Structures are given as C-alpha cells and as structure tokens.
Amino acid sequence: MSSGLINGLAMITLAVFVDPQVAILTEKVMKGESTKQSMNKMVGTLVISRLCGTVCAQILLVPAALYIAWVCKLIP
C-alpha cells in the first residue's frame, strides 16, 4: 500500500531537483554555451546513479520487509 506513496515522493523529488538541472544544461548545449561532453557526463551520471539506486534497493529489500513485518506485529 505504501508503494504509491514512495513512488509519488520519488517522482516529486525527480521533478524538483533533477529535471530542472537537466533542462538547463540541455538548453545551454543547444545554444552552444556548453559542450556536448558536459551533457554526456550528466547522462552518464544519471545512469550510474539509477543503477546504484537499484542495487541499494535490492540490498535493502529483505531487511526492510522484515522491519515492516515487525512493525505490523506491533499493531493490535
């Protein structure tokens, strides 16, 4: 049930912090104020960060599930 909440917060965070920076850099590259290399570095960083996030999520999956089960047992 918390999947929607978590995904919603992730999308809001992405829209507030990441997307504007990517849009600004894309506009600078299109105007010639920045190099294509800087855009490639940004895309590479985004890919690596998503990969690291996926790996961390897989590592934390079982401990988080056990914690949620423990909390559910405390609820009368």
N, C-alpha and C. Protein backbone atom coordinates (compact mmCIF):
# COMPACT_ATOMS: atom_id res chain seq x y z
N MET A 1 0.82 -1.20 0.00
CA MET A 1 0.00 0.00 0.00
C MET A 1 0.86 1.26 0.00
N SER A 2 2.08 1.16 0.49
CA SER A 2 2.93 2.35 0.52
C SER A 2 3.70 2.55 -0.77
N SER A 3 3.55 1.65 -1.73
CA SER A 3 4.27 1.76 -2.99
C SER A 3 3.92 3.05 -3.72
N GLY A 4 2.66 3.39 -3.76
CA GLY A 4 2.23 4.62 -4.42
C GLY A 4 2.81 5.85 -3.75
N LEU A 5 2.85 5.84 -2.43
CA LEU A 5 3.42 6.97 -1.70
C LEU A 5 4.91 7.13 -1.99
N ILE A 6 5.63 6.02 -1.96
CA ILE A 6 7.06 6.06 -2.21
C ILE A 6 7.35 6.50 -3.64
N ASN A 7 6.63 5.95 -4.60
CA ASN A 7 6.82 6.33 -6.00
C ASN A 7 6.44 7.79 -6.23
N GLY A 8 5.39 8.25 -5.57
CA GLY A 8 4.99 9.65 -5.70
C GLY A 8 6.05 10.59 -5.18
N LEU A 9 6.61 10.28 -4.00
CA LEU A 9 7.67 11.11 -3.46
C LEU A 9 8.91 11.09 -4.35
N ALA A 10 9.22 9.94 -4.91
CA ALA A 10 10.37 9.84 -5.81
C ALA A 10 10.15 10.70 -7.07
N MET A 11 8.96 10.67 -7.61
CA MET A 11 8.67 11.47 -8.81
C MET A 11 8.71 12.96 -8.51
N ILE A 12 8.20 13.35 -7.35
CA ILE A 12 8.24 14.77 -6.98
C ILE A 12 9.68 15.21 -6.80
N THR A 13 10.49 14.39 -6.13
CA THR A 13 11.90 14.72 -5.93
C THR A 13 12.62 14.84 -7.27
N LEU A 14 12.36 13.91 -8.18
CA LEU A 14 12.97 13.96 -9.50
C LEU A 14 12.56 15.23 -10.24
N ALA A 15 11.28 15.57 -10.18
CA ALA A 15 10.79 16.75 -10.89
C ALA A 15 11.31 18.05 -10.30
N VAL A 16 11.56 18.09 -9.01
CA VAL A 16 12.01 19.32 -8.36
C VAL A 16 13.52 19.51 -8.47
N PHE A 17 14.29 18.44 -8.31
CA PHE A 17 15.74 18.58 -8.22
C PHE A 17 16.49 18.23 -9.49
N VAL A 18 16.10 17.16 -10.17
CA VAL A 18 16.90 16.67 -11.29
C VAL A 18 16.46 17.27 -12.62
N ASP A 19 15.18 17.20 -12.93
CA ASP A 19 14.70 17.65 -14.24
C ASP A 19 15.07 19.10 -14.57
N PRO A 20 14.94 20.05 -13.65
CA PRO A 20 15.32 21.43 -14.00
C PRO A 20 16.81 21.55 -14.36
N GLN A 21 17.66 20.83 -13.65
CA GLN A 21 19.10 20.90 -13.95
C GLN A 21 19.39 20.32 -15.32
N VAL A 22 18.75 19.21 -15.65
CA VAL A 22 18.95 18.60 -16.97
C VAL A 22 18.42 19.53 -18.05
N ALA A 23 17.28 20.16 -17.82
CA ALA A 23 16.70 21.07 -18.81
C ALA A 23 17.61 22.28 -19.03
N ILE A 24 18.17 22.82 -17.97
CA ILE A 24 19.07 23.98 -18.09
C ILE A 24 20.31 23.59 -18.89
N LEU A 25 20.90 22.44 -18.56
CA LEU A 25 22.09 22.00 -19.27
C LEU A 25 21.78 21.72 -20.74
N THR A 26 20.64 21.11 -21.02
CA THR A 26 20.24 20.83 -22.40
C THR A 26 20.09 22.12 -23.19
N GLU A 27 19.49 23.12 -22.58
CA GLU A 27 19.32 24.41 -23.25
C GLU A 27 20.66 25.07 -23.53
N LYS A 28 21.59 24.99 -22.56
CA LYS A 28 22.92 25.57 -22.76
C LYS A 28 23.66 24.88 -23.90
N VAL A 29 23.52 23.55 -23.99
CA VAL A 29 24.17 22.82 -25.07
C VAL A 29 23.56 23.20 -26.41
N MET A 30 22.25 23.34 -26.46
CA MET A 30 21.59 23.71 -27.71
C MET A 30 21.99 25.11 -28.17
N LYS A 31 22.22 26.02 -27.22
CA LYS A 31 22.63 27.38 -27.56
C LYS A 31 24.12 27.48 -27.84
N GLY A 32 24.86 26.43 -27.54
CA GLY A 32 26.29 26.44 -27.76
C GLY A 32 27.08 27.02 -26.59
N GLU A 33 26.43 27.28 -25.48
CA GLU A 33 27.10 27.84 -24.30
C GLU A 33 27.84 26.76 -23.50
N SER A 34 27.53 25.51 -23.76
CA SER A 34 28.17 24.40 -23.07
C SER A 34 28.46 23.31 -24.10
N THR A 35 29.32 22.37 -23.72
CA THR A 35 29.72 21.34 -24.69
C THR A 35 28.83 20.11 -24.59
N LYS A 36 28.85 19.34 -25.67
CA LYS A 36 28.12 18.08 -25.66
C LYS A 36 28.73 17.11 -24.66
N GLN A 37 30.02 17.27 -24.40
CA GLN A 37 30.69 16.40 -23.44
C GLN A 37 30.08 16.57 -22.04
N SER A 38 29.73 17.80 -21.67
CA SER A 38 29.11 18.01 -20.35
C SER A 38 27.74 17.35 -20.29
N MET A 39 27.01 17.35 -21.41
CA MET A 39 25.71 16.68 -21.45
C MET A 39 25.90 15.17 -21.34
N ASN A 40 26.91 14.63 -22.01
CA ASN A 40 27.19 13.19 -21.93
C ASN A 40 27.57 12.80 -20.51
N LYS A 41 28.33 13.67 -19.82
CA LYS A 41 28.69 13.39 -18.43
C LYS A 41 27.45 13.37 -17.54
N MET A 42 26.53 14.30 -17.77
CA MET A 42 25.30 14.36 -16.99
C MET A 42 24.47 13.10 -17.20
N VAL A 43 24.32 12.67 -18.44
CA VAL A 43 23.54 11.46 -18.74
C VAL A 43 24.22 10.24 -18.12
N GLY A 44 25.53 10.17 -18.22
CA GLY A 44 26.26 9.06 -17.62
C GLY A 44 26.09 9.02 -16.11
N THR A 45 26.13 10.18 -15.49
CA THR A 45 25.93 10.26 -14.04
C THR A 45 24.53 9.81 -13.66
N LEU A 46 23.54 10.20 -14.43
CA LEU A 46 22.16 9.78 -14.15
C LEU A 46 22.01 8.27 -14.29
N VAL A 47 22.63 7.69 -15.30
CA VAL A 47 22.54 6.24 -15.50
C VAL A 47 23.21 5.51 -14.33
N ILE A 48 24.40 5.97 -13.95
CA ILE A 48 25.12 5.32 -12.85
C ILE A 48 24.35 5.48 -11.54
N SER A 49 23.77 6.65 -11.30
CA SER A 49 23.03 6.85 -10.06
C SER A 49 21.78 5.97 -10.00
N ARG A 50 21.12 5.79 -11.13
CA ARG A 50 19.95 4.89 -11.14
C ARG A 50 20.36 3.44 -10.92
N LEU A 51 21.49 3.05 -11.51
CA LEU A 51 21.99 1.70 -11.29
C LEU A 51 22.34 1.49 -9.82
N CYS A 52 23.04 2.45 -9.22
CA CYS A 52 23.39 2.35 -7.79
C CYS A 52 22.13 2.32 -6.92
N GLY A 53 21.13 3.12 -7.27
CA GLY A 53 19.89 3.11 -6.52
C GLY A 53 19.17 1.78 -6.60
N THR A 54 19.19 1.17 -7.77
CA THR A 54 18.57 -0.15 -7.93
C THR A 54 19.30 -1.20 -7.12
N VAL A 55 20.63 -1.17 -7.14
CA VAL A 55 21.41 -2.13 -6.37
C VAL A 55 21.16 -1.95 -4.88
N CYS A 56 21.16 -0.70 -4.41
CA CYS A 56 20.88 -0.43 -2.99
C CYS A 56 19.49 -0.89 -2.60
N ALA A 57 18.52 -0.68 -3.48
CA ALA A 57 17.15 -1.12 -3.19
C ALA A 57 17.08 -2.64 -3.07
N GLN A 58 17.81 -3.35 -3.92
CA GLN A 58 17.82 -4.81 -3.83
C GLN A 58 18.48 -5.29 -2.55
N ILE A 59 19.54 -4.60 -2.13
CA ILE A 59 20.23 -4.97 -0.90
C ILE A 59 19.33 -4.72 0.31
N LEU A 60 18.56 -3.64 0.30
CA LEU A 60 17.72 -3.28 1.44
C LEU A 60 16.35 -3.94 1.42
N LEU A 61 16.02 -4.67 0.36
CA LEU A 61 14.68 -5.23 0.22
C LEU A 61 14.31 -6.16 1.37
N VAL A 62 15.13 -7.16 1.65
CA VAL A 62 14.80 -8.13 2.69
C VAL A 62 14.81 -7.50 4.08
N PRO A 63 15.85 -6.72 4.46
CA PRO A 63 15.80 -6.08 5.79
C PRO A 63 14.60 -5.15 5.96
N ALA A 64 14.25 -4.43 4.91
CA ALA A 64 13.09 -3.54 5.01
C ALA A 64 11.80 -4.33 5.16
N ALA A 65 11.68 -5.43 4.45
CA ALA A 65 10.49 -6.27 4.57
C ALA A 65 10.38 -6.85 5.97
N LEU A 66 11.50 -7.29 6.54
CA LEU A 66 11.47 -7.81 7.90
C LEU A 66 11.09 -6.73 8.91
N TYR A 67 11.57 -5.51 8.70
CA TYR A 67 11.22 -4.40 9.58
C TYR A 67 9.73 -4.07 9.48
N ILE A 68 9.21 -4.05 8.28
CA ILE A 68 7.78 -3.77 8.10
C ILE A 68 6.95 -4.86 8.75
N ALA A 69 7.36 -6.12 8.61
CA ALA A 69 6.63 -7.22 9.25
C ALA A 69 6.66 -7.08 10.76
N TRP A 70 7.80 -6.68 11.31
CA TRP A 70 7.93 -6.48 12.76
C TRP A 70 7.00 -5.36 13.23
N VAL A 71 6.96 -4.25 12.49
CA VAL A 71 6.08 -3.14 12.87
C VAL A 71 4.62 -3.57 12.79
N CYS A 72 4.27 -4.36 11.80
CA CYS A 72 2.89 -4.82 11.66
C CYS A 72 2.48 -5.71 12.82
N LYS A 73 3.40 -6.47 13.36
CA LYS A 73 3.10 -7.31 14.51
C LYS A 73 2.81 -6.47 15.76
N LEU A 74 3.36 -5.26 15.82
CA LEU A 74 3.14 -4.39 16.98
C LEU A 74 1.77 -3.74 16.96
N ILE A 75 1.19 -3.66 15.79
CA ILE A 75 -0.13 -3.02 15.66
C ILE A 75 -1.19 -4.01 16.14
N PRO A 76 -2.02 -3.58 17.09
CA PRO A 76 -3.03 -4.51 17.63
C PRO A 76 -4.18 -4.76 16.64
